[in-house]
Amino acid sequence: MFSGGAIIFTLVILVLTLALYGSAKIRRRLGGRWIIIGAGIVFPVLVLTALLVYSLGVGAVAARSEARPVTRIEVVGEMWWWRLRYLDQDGHLLFETANDIRIPADVPVEFVLKSDNVVHSFWIPSLAGKLDMVPGHVNHLRVQAKGPGVYRGQCAEYCGAQHAKMMFDVKAVTMEDFQAWLTAQRLPAREPANETLRSGQQLFLKACMECHTVRGTAANGISGPDLTHVGSRSSLAAGILPNNIGALAGWIAGSQHIKPENHMPSFDQMTGAQLRALAQYMDSLK
């Protein structure tokens, strides 16, 4: 549709230019009866008819897509990250995660959009238009990815100092891979496999459990992201850092430097050994 509009716009500009600056012979021809009938009546009728047929077809597809979605994901806009709650068909919580969205390809998916603080806007340019997340109101957005792929998302409504660093990835996978991922995400965190990871877990329970949850441990904080399987995510800090041990340690020690005014303090008082142990433990939470 964009290409068609661009062609029509170009033709209109061309005719207008010829009418204003063309030779007398060209201007006389542009004023002829058949030009007026063709360009002023026939052409608009054909274009509007084509648009009507196209819109009716799109409406029919949209109506067919009203079937119950295979996956429902509640998305809550936080300051400045995305809380994700995967729901079953009855709306009951399966598990909670953050920032990294996984969906099945080629089937309808419904996002239930909420905010408890300010207005955000959920936008996945390659999948759907943006839809606002308004405190006290629930919006619904349906998407369907055509085949496996990764789609970048972004908050599209200014929501504070770190609005530009409130991103996310949507990864569309086969239904088989999606079901395997769902099963893995519902499991509690794995137990530490060595002394370094056990030391990291103890540091986590001392410094992080008031704000974060790791299912299967005593950590059940709710103000920050659920970190039960943080090691399996594609990025950190709402899409602004790669997910590896170095980035984890850097975020823990300098979160206020990387994303000023976010709700997580910088733990710059930790020693290098403590940071490595904590980062390795979090990286192990696959």
C-alpha atoms as a PDB file:
ATOM      1  CA  MET A   1       0.000   0.000   0.000  1.00  0.00           C
ATOM      2  CA  PHE A   2       2.873   2.364   0.748  1.00  0.00           C
ATOM      3  CA  SER A   3       4.406   1.682  -2.666  1.00  0.00           C
ATOM      4  CA  GLY A   4       1.099   2.374  -4.405  1.00  0.00           C
ATOM      5  CA  GLY A   5       0.685   5.632  -2.514  1.00  0.00           C
ATOM      6  CA  ALA A   6       4.226   6.671  -3.434  1.00  0.00           C
ATOM      7  CA  ILE A   7       3.557   6.008  -7.132  1.00  0.00           C
ATOM      8  CA  ILE A   8       0.313   8.006  -7.085  1.00  0.00           C
ATOM      9  CA  PHE A   9       2.006  10.878  -5.256  1.00  0.00           C
ATOM     10  CA  THR A  10       4.821  10.919  -7.824  1.00  0.00           C
ATOM     11  CA  LEU A  11       2.343  10.979 -10.719  1.00  0.00           C
ATOM     12  CA  VAL A  12       0.374  13.840  -9.166  1.00  0.00           C
ATOM     13  CA  ILE A  13       3.547  15.885  -8.642  1.00  0.00           C
ATOM     14  CA  LEU A  14       4.618  15.154 -12.229  1.00  0.00           C
ATOM     15  CA  VAL A  15       1.283  16.287 -13.681  1.00  0.00           C
ATOM     16  CA  LEU A  16       1.272  19.376 -11.464  1.00  0.00           C
ATOM     17  CA  THR A  17       4.800  20.283 -12.573  1.00  0.00           C
ATOM     18  CA  LEU A  18       3.886  19.878 -16.246  1.00  0.00           C
ATOM     19  CA  ALA A  19       0.738  21.955 -15.770  1.00  0.00           C
ATOM     20  CA  LEU A  20       2.701  24.785 -14.178  1.00  0.00           C
ATOM     21  CA  TYR A  21       5.956  24.730 -16.098  1.00  0.00           C
ATOM     22  CA  GLY A  22       5.322  22.704 -19.253  1.00  0.00           C
ATOM     23  CA  SER A  23       5.059  24.097 -22.763  1.00  0.00           C
ATOM     24  CA  ALA A  24       1.806  25.605 -24.019  1.00  0.00           C
ATOM     25  CA  LYS A  25       1.146  22.453 -26.068  1.00  0.00           C
ATOM     26  CA  ILE A  26       1.483  20.195 -23.008  1.00  0.00           C
ATOM     27  CA  ARG A  27      -0.738  22.451 -20.891  1.00  0.00           C
ATOM     28  CA  ARG A  28      -3.461  22.377 -23.579  1.00  0.00           C
ATOM     29  CA  ARG A  29      -3.364  18.576 -23.631  1.00  0.00           C
ATOM     30  CA  LEU A  30      -3.607  18.402 -19.840  1.00  0.00           C
ATOM     31  CA  GLY A  31      -6.755  20.514 -20.062  1.00  0.00           C
ATOM     32  CA  GLY A  32      -8.450  18.161 -22.507  1.00  0.00           C
ATOM     33  CA  ARG A  33     -11.763  16.476 -21.751  1.00  0.00           C
ATOM     34  CA  TRP A  34     -10.405  12.913 -21.670  1.00  0.00           C
ATOM     35  CA  ILE A  35      -7.604  13.855 -19.299  1.00  0.00           C
ATOM     36  CA  ILE A  36     -10.116  15.454 -16.947  1.00  0.00           C
ATOM     37  CA  ILE A  37     -12.499  12.485 -17.140  1.00  0.00           C
ATOM     38  CA  GLY A  38      -9.739   9.906 -16.832  1.00  0.00           C
ATOM     39  CA  ALA A  39      -7.682  11.527 -14.080  1.00  0.00           C
ATOM     40  CA  GLY A  40     -10.538  13.237 -12.259  1.00  0.00           C
ATOM     41  CA  ILE A  41     -13.214  10.516 -12.345  1.00  0.00           C
ATOM     42  CA  VAL A  42     -12.079   7.124 -13.645  1.00  0.00           C
ATOM     43  CA  PHE A  43      -8.739   6.980 -11.827  1.00  0.00           C
ATOM     44  CA  PRO A  44     -10.127   7.928  -8.360  1.00  0.00           C
ATOM     45  CA  VAL A  45     -12.982   5.421  -8.760  1.00  0.00           C
ATOM     46  CA  LEU A  46     -10.545   2.626  -9.631  1.00  0.00           C
ATOM     47  CA  VAL A  47      -8.208   3.489  -6.749  1.00  0.00           C
ATOM     48  CA  LEU A  48     -11.003   3.750  -4.185  1.00  0.00           C
ATOM     49  CA  THR A  49     -12.526   0.472  -5.411  1.00  0.00           C
ATOM     50  CA  ALA A  50      -9.159  -1.262  -5.046  1.00  0.00           C
ATOM     51  CA  LEU A  51      -8.761   0.138  -1.532  1.00  0.00           C
ATOM     52  CA  LEU A  52     -12.266  -1.031  -0.610  1.00  0.00           C
ATOM     53  CA  VAL A  53     -11.579  -4.568  -1.842  1.00  0.00           C
ATOM     54  CA  TYR A  54      -8.243  -4.627   0.003  1.00  0.00           C
ATOM     55  CA  SER A  55      -9.747  -3.383   3.277  1.00  0.00           C
ATOM     56  CA  LEU A  56     -12.582  -5.920   3.091  1.00  0.00           C
ATOM     57  CA  GLY A  57      -9.996  -8.667   2.654  1.00  0.00           C
ATOM     58  CA  VAL A  58      -7.977  -7.432   5.627  1.00  0.00           C
ATOM     59  CA  GLY A  59     -11.147  -7.259   7.695  1.00  0.00           C
ATOM     60  CA  ALA A  60     -12.014 -10.848   6.814  1.00  0.00           C
ATOM     61  CA  VAL A  61      -8.553 -12.017   7.887  1.00  0.00           C
ATOM     62  CA  ALA A  62      -8.857 -10.064  11.128  1.00  0.00           C
ATOM     63  CA  ALA A  63     -12.254 -11.615  11.798  1.00  0.00           C
ATOM     64  CA  ARG A  64     -10.861 -15.112  11.275  1.00  0.00           C
ATOM     65  CA  SER A  65      -8.018 -14.315  13.682  1.00  0.00           C
ATOM     66  CA  GLU A  66     -10.517 -13.799  16.496  1.00  0.00           C
ATOM     67  CA  ALA A  67     -10.031 -17.450  17.346  1.00  0.00           C
ATOM     68  CA  ARG A  68      -8.797 -18.007  20.878  1.00  0.00           C
ATOM     69  CA  PRO A  69      -5.069 -17.218  20.953  1.00  0.00           C
ATOM     70  CA  VAL A  70      -2.662 -20.061  21.602  1.00  0.00           C
ATOM     71  CA  THR A  71      -0.604 -17.917  23.979  1.00  0.00           C
ATOM     72  CA  ARG A  72      -1.537 -15.059  26.306  1.00  0.00           C
ATOM     73  CA  ILE A  73       1.149 -12.868  27.825  1.00  0.00           C
ATOM     74  CA  GLU A  74       0.459 -10.138  30.356  1.00  0.00           C
ATOM     75  CA  VAL A  75       2.959  -7.301  29.888  1.00  0.00           C
ATOM     76  CA  VAL A  76       3.337  -4.709  32.649  1.00  0.00           C
ATOM     77  CA  GLY A  77       5.343  -1.570  31.935  1.00  0.00           C
ATOM     78  CA  GLU A  78       7.757  -0.854  34.785  1.00  0.00           C
ATOM     79  CA  MET A  79      10.407   1.854  35.285  1.00  0.00           C
ATOM     80  CA  TRP A  80      12.204   1.002  32.881  1.00  0.00           C
ATOM     81  CA  TRP A  81      11.716  -2.651  32.052  1.00  0.00           C
ATOM     82  CA  TRP A  82       8.980  -5.117  31.097  1.00  0.00           C
ATOM     83  CA  ARG A  83       7.344  -7.531  33.528  1.00  0.00           C
ATOM     84  CA  LEU A  84       6.054 -10.588  31.636  1.00  0.00           C
ATOM     85  CA  ARG A  85       3.470 -13.029  32.972  1.00  0.00           C
ATOM     86  CA  TYR A  86       2.645 -16.037  30.830  1.00  0.00           C
ATOM     87  CA  LEU A  87      -0.972 -17.116  31.329  1.00  0.00           C
ATOM     88  CA  ASP A  88      -2.891 -20.304  30.625  1.00  0.00           C
ATOM     89  CA  GLN A  89      -6.151 -20.377  28.646  1.00  0.00           C
ATOM     90  CA  ASP A  90      -8.133 -19.526  31.787  1.00  0.00           C
ATOM     91  CA  GLY A  91      -5.962 -16.551  32.659  1.00  0.00           C
ATOM     92  CA  HIS A  92      -4.055 -18.256  35.464  1.00  0.00           C
ATOM     93  CA  LEU A  93      -0.360 -17.517  35.925  1.00  0.00           C
ATOM     94  CA  LEU A  94       2.071 -20.095  34.561  1.00  0.00           C
ATOM     95  CA  PHE A  95       5.256 -18.195  35.422  1.00  0.00           C
ATOM     96  CA  GLU A  96       6.768 -14.724  35.432  1.00  0.00           C
ATOM     97  CA  THR A  97       9.842 -13.503  33.593  1.00  0.00           C
ATOM     98  CA  ALA A  98      11.129 -10.174  32.248  1.00  0.00           C
ATOM     99  CA  ASN A  99      12.095  -8.357  29.035  1.00  0.00           C
ATOM    100  CA  ASP A 100      12.771 -11.419  26.869  1.00  0.00           C
ATOM    101  CA  ILE A 101       9.572 -12.509  25.067  1.00  0.00           C
ATOM    102  CA  ARG A 102       9.190 -15.920  23.453  1.00  0.00           C
ATOM    103  CA  ILE A 103       6.174 -16.716  21.242  1.00  0.00           C
ATOM    104  CA  PRO A 104       5.150 -19.527  18.873  1.00  0.00           C
ATOM    105  CA  ALA A 105       5.344 -18.648  15.180  1.00  0.00           C
ATOM    106  CA  ASP A 106       2.375 -18.799  12.772  1.00  0.00           C
ATOM    107  CA  VAL A 107      -0.335 -18.740  15.462  1.00  0.00           C
ATOM    108  CA  PRO A 108      -2.183 -15.854  17.154  1.00  0.00           C
ATOM    109  CA  VAL A 109      -0.669 -14.489  20.355  1.00  0.00           C
ATOM    110  CA  GLU A 110      -2.416 -12.039  22.670  1.00  0.00           C
ATOM    111  CA  PHE A 111      -0.601  -9.434  24.753  1.00  0.00           C
ATOM    112  CA  VAL A 112      -2.512  -8.082  27.760  1.00  0.00           C
ATOM    113  CA  LEU A 113      -0.999  -4.635  28.318  1.00  0.00           C
ATOM    114  CA  LYS A 114      -0.933  -2.871  31.692  1.00  0.00           C
ATOM    115  CA  SER A 115       0.947  -0.204  33.620  1.00  0.00           C
ATOM    116  CA  ASP A 116       0.976   0.639  37.320  1.00  0.00           C
ATOM    117  CA  ASN A 117       3.047   3.829  37.123  1.00  0.00           C
ATOM    118  CA  VAL A 118       3.074   6.059  34.012  1.00  0.00           C
ATOM    119  CA  VAL A 119       1.925   5.739  30.406  1.00  0.00           C
ATOM    120  CA  HIS A 120       4.121   3.416  28.350  1.00  0.00           C
ATOM    121  CA  SER A 121       3.576   2.235  24.779  1.00  0.00           C
ATOM    122  CA  PHE A 122       4.227  -1.324  23.612  1.00  0.00           C
ATOM    123  CA  TRP A 123       5.629  -1.371  20.087  1.00  0.00           C
ATOM    124  CA  ILE A 124       7.018  -4.157  17.907  1.00  0.00           C
ATOM    125  CA  PRO A 125       7.448  -2.360  14.555  1.00  0.00           C
ATOM    126  CA  SER A 126       7.858  -5.507  12.447  1.00  0.00           C
ATOM    127  CA  LEU A 127       4.824  -7.239  13.994  1.00  0.00           C
ATOM    128  CA  ALA A 128       2.244  -4.625  14.967  1.00  0.00           C
ATOM    129  CA  GLY A 129       1.538  -0.982  15.603  1.00  0.00           C
ATOM    130  CA  LYS A 130       2.115   0.548  19.001  1.00  0.00           C
ATOM    131  CA  LEU A 131      -0.503   0.368  21.737  1.00  0.00           C
ATOM    132  CA  ASP A 132      -0.467   2.476  24.887  1.00  0.00           C
ATOM    133  CA  MET A 133      -0.260   1.025  28.394  1.00  0.00           C
ATOM    134  CA  VAL A 134      -2.315   3.329  30.611  1.00  0.00           C
ATOM    135  CA  PRO A 135      -2.441   3.047  34.424  1.00  0.00           C
ATOM    136  CA  GLY A 136      -5.802   1.679  35.519  1.00  0.00           C
ATOM    137  CA  HIS A 137      -6.683   0.446  32.032  1.00  0.00           C
ATOM    138  CA  VAL A 138      -6.080  -2.844  30.199  1.00  0.00           C
ATOM    139  CA  ASN A 139      -5.403  -2.974  26.449  1.00  0.00           C
ATOM    140  CA  HIS A 140      -5.202  -6.065  24.267  1.00  0.00           C
ATOM    141  CA  LEU A 141      -2.929  -6.563  21.276  1.00  0.00           C
ATOM    142  CA  ARG A 142      -2.930  -9.573  18.942  1.00  0.00           C
ATOM    143  CA  VAL A 143       0.031 -10.473  16.780  1.00  0.00           C
ATOM    144  CA  GLN A 144       1.026 -13.387  14.593  1.00  0.00           C
ATOM    145  CA  ALA A 145       4.633 -13.864  13.535  1.00  0.00           C
ATOM    146  CA  LYS A 146       5.057 -15.307  10.050  1.00  0.00           C
ATOM    147  CA  GLY A 147       7.692 -17.918  10.678  1.00  0.00           C
ATOM    148  CA  PRO A 148      10.524 -18.040  13.216  1.00  0.00           C
ATOM    149  CA  GLY A 149      12.543 -14.883  13.738  1.00  0.00           C
ATOM    150  CA  VAL A 150      13.614 -12.187  16.192  1.00  0.00           C
ATOM    151  CA  TYR A 151      11.732  -8.886  16.384  1.00  0.00           C
ATOM    152  CA  ARG A 152      12.956  -5.810  18.247  1.00  0.00           C
ATOM    153  CA  GLY A 153      10.520  -3.949  20.475  1.00  0.00           C
ATOM    154  CA  GLN A 154      10.649  -0.567  22.178  1.00  0.00           C
ATOM    155  CA  CYS A 155       8.628   1.632  24.487  1.00  0.00           C
ATOM    156  CA  ALA A 156       7.175   4.271  22.154  1.00  0.00           C
ATOM    157  CA  GLU A 157       5.824   6.748  24.727  1.00  0.00           C
ATOM    158  CA  TYR A 158       8.152   8.964  26.756  1.00  0.00           C
ATOM    159  CA  CYS A 159       8.042   7.550  30.279  1.00  0.00           C
ATOM    160  CA  GLY A 160      10.949   9.149  32.098  1.00  0.00           C
ATOM    161  CA  ALA A 161      14.707   9.502  32.119  1.00  0.00           C
ATOM    162  CA  GLN A 162      15.511   6.040  30.737  1.00  0.00           C
ATOM    163  CA  HIS A 163      12.673   5.748  28.230  1.00  0.00           C
ATOM    164  CA  ALA A 164      15.147   5.229  25.369  1.00  0.00           C
ATOM    165  CA  LYS A 165      16.675   2.259  27.215  1.00  0.00           C
ATOM    166  CA  MET A 166      13.392   0.374  27.628  1.00  0.00           C
ATOM    167  CA  MET A 167      13.629  -2.230  24.896  1.00  0.00           C
ATOM    168  CA  PHE A 168      12.918  -5.923  24.432  1.00  0.00           C
ATOM    169  CA  ASP A 169      13.232  -8.774  21.961  1.00  0.00           C
ATOM    170  CA  VAL A 170      10.433 -11.006  20.708  1.00  0.00           C
ATOM    171  CA  LYS A 171      11.682 -14.374  19.535  1.00  0.00           C
ATOM    172  CA  ALA A 172       9.234 -16.412  17.443  1.00  0.00           C
ATOM    173  CA  VAL A 173      10.024 -20.133  17.399  1.00  0.00           C
ATOM    174  CA  THR A 174       8.383 -23.353  16.263  1.00  0.00           C
ATOM    175  CA  MET A 175       5.571 -24.690  18.420  1.00  0.00           C
ATOM    176  CA  GLU A 176       7.748 -27.622  19.495  1.00  0.00           C
ATOM    177  CA  ASP A 177      10.538 -25.308  20.651  1.00  0.00           C
ATOM    178  CA  PHE A 178       8.039 -23.005  22.345  1.00  0.00           C
ATOM    179  CA  GLN A 179       6.487 -25.837  24.350  1.00  0.00           C
ATOM    180  CA  ALA A 180       9.952 -27.008  25.425  1.00  0.00           C
ATOM    181  CA  TRP A 181      10.788 -23.451  26.496  1.00  0.00           C
ATOM    182  CA  LEU A 182       7.530 -23.157  28.471  1.00  0.00           C
ATOM    183  CA  THR A 183       8.284 -26.393  30.297  1.00  0.00           C
ATOM    184  CA  ALA A 184      11.809 -25.240  31.190  1.00  0.00           C
ATOM    185  CA  GLN A 185      10.644 -21.804  32.353  1.00  0.00           C
ATOM    186  CA  ARG A 186       8.100 -23.297  34.754  1.00  0.00           C
ATOM    187  CA  LEU A 187      10.796 -25.255  36.587  1.00  0.00           C
ATOM    188  CA  PRO A 188      12.475 -23.850  39.719  1.00  0.00           C
ATOM    189  CA  ALA A 189      16.059 -22.651  39.533  1.00  0.00           C
ATOM    190  CA  ARG A 190      18.734 -25.316  39.348  1.00  0.00           C
ATOM    191  CA  GLU A 191      20.860 -25.962  42.422  1.00  0.00           C
ATOM    192  CA  PRO A 192      24.422 -24.573  42.446  1.00  0.00           C
ATOM    193  CA  ALA A 193      26.809 -27.168  41.030  1.00  0.00           C
ATOM    194  CA  ASN A 194      30.052 -26.058  42.719  1.00  0.00           C
ATOM    195  CA  GLU A 195      31.440 -23.985  45.562  1.00  0.00           C
ATOM    196  CA  THR A 196      31.751 -20.785  43.509  1.00  0.00           C
ATOM    197  CA  LEU A 197      28.086 -20.970  42.517  1.00  0.00           C
ATOM    198  CA  ARG A 198      27.059 -21.742  46.102  1.00  0.00           C
ATOM    199  CA  SER A 199      28.992 -18.683  47.247  1.00  0.00           C
ATOM    200  CA  GLY A 200      27.250 -16.633  44.558  1.00  0.00           C
ATOM    201  CA  GLN A 201      23.863 -17.918  45.671  1.00  0.00           C
ATOM    202  CA  GLN A 202      24.559 -16.890  49.266  1.00  0.00           C
ATOM    203  CA  LEU A 203      25.521 -13.415  48.086  1.00  0.00           C
ATOM    204  CA  PHE A 204      22.303 -13.237  46.079  1.00  0.00           C
ATOM    205  CA  LEU A 205      20.207 -14.245  49.096  1.00  0.00           C
ATOM    206  CA  LYS A 206      21.970 -11.605  51.179  1.00  0.00           C
ATOM    207  CA  ALA A 207      21.883  -8.687  48.745  1.00  0.00           C
ATOM    208  CA  CYS A 208      19.151  -9.302  46.163  1.00  0.00           C
ATOM    209  CA  MET A 209      16.276 -11.322  47.614  1.00  0.00           C
ATOM    210  CA  GLU A 210      14.317  -8.318  48.895  1.00  0.00           C
ATOM    211  CA  CYS A 211      13.637  -7.191  45.325  1.00  0.00           C
ATOM    212  CA  HIS A 212      14.008 -10.310  43.160  1.00  0.00           C
ATOM    213  CA  THR A 213      12.533 -13.798  42.999  1.00  0.00           C
ATOM    214  CA  VAL A 214      14.424 -16.967  42.198  1.00  0.00           C
ATOM    215  CA  ARG A 215      11.909 -19.792  42.396  1.00  0.00           C
ATOM    216  CA  GLY A 216      13.190 -22.732  44.429  1.00  0.00           C
ATOM    217  CA  THR A 217      15.091 -20.467  46.843  1.00  0.00           C
ATOM    218  CA  ALA A 218      14.136 -18.147  49.687  1.00  0.00           C
ATOM    219  CA  ALA A 219      14.304 -15.157  47.323  1.00  0.00           C
ATOM    220  CA  ASN A 220      10.753 -13.946  46.704  1.00  0.00           C
ATOM    221  CA  GLY A 221      10.990 -10.192  46.156  1.00  0.00           C
ATOM    222  CA  ILE A 222       8.509  -8.717  43.702  1.00  0.00           C
ATOM    223  CA  SER A 223       9.623  -5.137  43.039  1.00  0.00           C
ATOM    224  CA  GLY A 224      12.313  -6.181  40.546  1.00  0.00           C
ATOM    225  CA  PRO A 225      12.408  -8.704  37.694  1.00  0.00           C
ATOM    226  CA  ASP A 226      11.990 -12.426  38.380  1.00  0.00           C
ATOM    227  CA  LEU A 227      15.481 -13.889  37.866  1.00  0.00           C
ATOM    228  CA  THR A 228      14.700 -17.606  38.095  1.00  0.00           C
ATOM    229  CA  HIS A 229      16.031 -18.244  34.585  1.00  0.00           C
ATOM    230  CA  VAL A 230      17.894 -14.995  33.919  1.00  0.00           C
ATOM    231  CA  GLY A 231      20.834 -16.907  32.427  1.00  0.00           C
ATOM    232  CA  SER A 232      18.658 -18.068  29.526  1.00  0.00           C
ATOM    233  CA  ARG A 233      17.694 -14.575  28.375  1.00  0.00           C
ATOM    234  CA  SER A 234      19.166 -12.950  25.294  1.00  0.00           C
ATOM    235  CA  SER A 235      19.971  -9.611  26.945  1.00  0.00           C
ATOM    236  CA  LEU A 236      20.075  -7.733  30.247  1.00  0.00           C
ATOM    237  CA  ALA A 237      18.637  -4.485  31.624  1.00  0.00           C
ATOM    238  CA  ALA A 238      15.708  -4.344  29.174  1.00  0.00           C
ATOM    239  CA  GLY A 239      17.640  -5.026  26.011  1.00  0.00           C
ATOM    240  CA  ILE A 240      20.652  -2.735  26.471  1.00  0.00           C
ATOM    241  CA  LEU A 241      23.383  -5.213  27.509  1.00  0.00           C
ATOM    242  CA  PRO A 242      24.460  -8.630  26.214  1.00  0.00           C
ATOM    243  CA  ASN A 243      23.803 -11.478  28.618  1.00  0.00           C
ATOM    244  CA  ASN A 244      27.171 -12.755  29.792  1.00  0.00           C
ATOM    245  CA  ILE A 245      29.134 -12.920  33.033  1.00  0.00           C
ATOM    246  CA  GLY A 246      31.031  -9.694  32.381  1.00  0.00           C
ATOM    247  CA  ALA A 247      27.874  -7.724  31.615  1.00  0.00           C
ATOM    248  CA  LEU A 248      26.136  -9.194  34.674  1.00  0.00           C
ATOM    249  CA  ALA A 249      28.998  -8.114  36.930  1.00  0.00           C
ATOM    250  CA  GLY A 250      29.088  -4.677  35.320  1.00  0.00           C
ATOM    251  CA  TRP A 251      25.347  -4.195  35.793  1.00  0.00           C
ATOM    252  CA  ILE A 252      25.448  -5.294  39.445  1.00  0.00           C
ATOM    253  CA  ALA A 253      28.334  -2.944  40.248  1.00  0.00           C
ATOM    254  CA  GLY A 254      27.217   0.010  38.129  1.00  0.00           C
ATOM    255  CA  SER A 255      23.500  -0.133  37.407  1.00  0.00           C
ATOM    256  CA  GLN A 256      23.086   3.558  38.245  1.00  0.00           C
ATOM    257  CA  HIS A 257      25.880   4.478  35.869  1.00  0.00           C
ATOM    258  CA  ILE A 258      24.430   2.357  33.050  1.00  0.00           C
ATOM    259  CA  LYS A 259      20.777   3.311  33.588  1.00  0.00           C
ATOM    260  CA  PRO A 260      20.580   6.305  35.982  1.00  0.00           C
ATOM    261  CA  GLU A 261      17.511   6.648  38.231  1.00  0.00           C
ATOM    262  CA  ASN A 262      16.418   3.034  37.839  1.00  0.00           C
ATOM    263  CA  HIS A 263      15.266   1.427  41.078  1.00  0.00           C
ATOM    264  CA  MET A 264      18.304  -0.854  41.516  1.00  0.00           C
ATOM    265  CA  PRO A 265      21.246   0.583  43.485  1.00  0.00           C
ATOM    266  CA  SER A 266      24.811   0.047  42.311  1.00  0.00           C
ATOM    267  CA  PHE A 267      26.587  -2.591  44.418  1.00  0.00           C
ATOM    268  CA  ASP A 268      29.997  -1.035  43.908  1.00  0.00           C
ATOM    269  CA  GLN A 269      31.073  -1.980  47.419  1.00  0.00           C
ATOM    270  CA  MET A 270      31.428  -5.646  46.412  1.00  0.00           C
ATOM    271  CA  THR A 271      34.896  -7.032  45.824  1.00  0.00           C
ATOM    272  CA  GLY A 272      35.912  -8.393  42.443  1.00  0.00           C
ATOM    273  CA  ALA A 273      35.709 -11.958  43.758  1.00  0.00           C
ATOM    274  CA  GLN A 274      32.194 -11.382  45.087  1.00  0.00           C
ATOM    275  CA  LEU A 275      31.029  -9.850  41.816  1.00  0.00           C
ATOM    276  CA  ARG A 276      32.427 -12.775  39.825  1.00  0.00           C
ATOM    277  CA  ALA A 277      30.777 -15.339  42.105  1.00  0.00           C
ATOM    278  CA  LEU A 278      27.410 -13.558  41.996  1.00  0.00           C
ATOM    279  CA  ALA A 279      27.569 -13.065  38.225  1.00  0.00           C
ATOM    280  CA  GLN A 280      28.531 -16.711  37.666  1.00  0.00           C
ATOM    281  CA  TYR A 281      25.618 -17.844  39.831  1.00  0.00           C
ATOM    282  CA  MET A 282      23.147 -15.705  37.889  1.00  0.00           C
ATOM    283  CA  ASP A 283      24.617 -16.872  34.585  1.00  0.00           C
ATOM    284  CA  SER A 284      24.016 -20.477  35.706  1.00  0.00           C
ATOM    285  CA  LEU A 285      20.268 -19.845  36.065  1.00  0.00           C
ATOM    286  CA  LYS A 286      19.372 -21.194  32.631  1.00  0.00           C
END
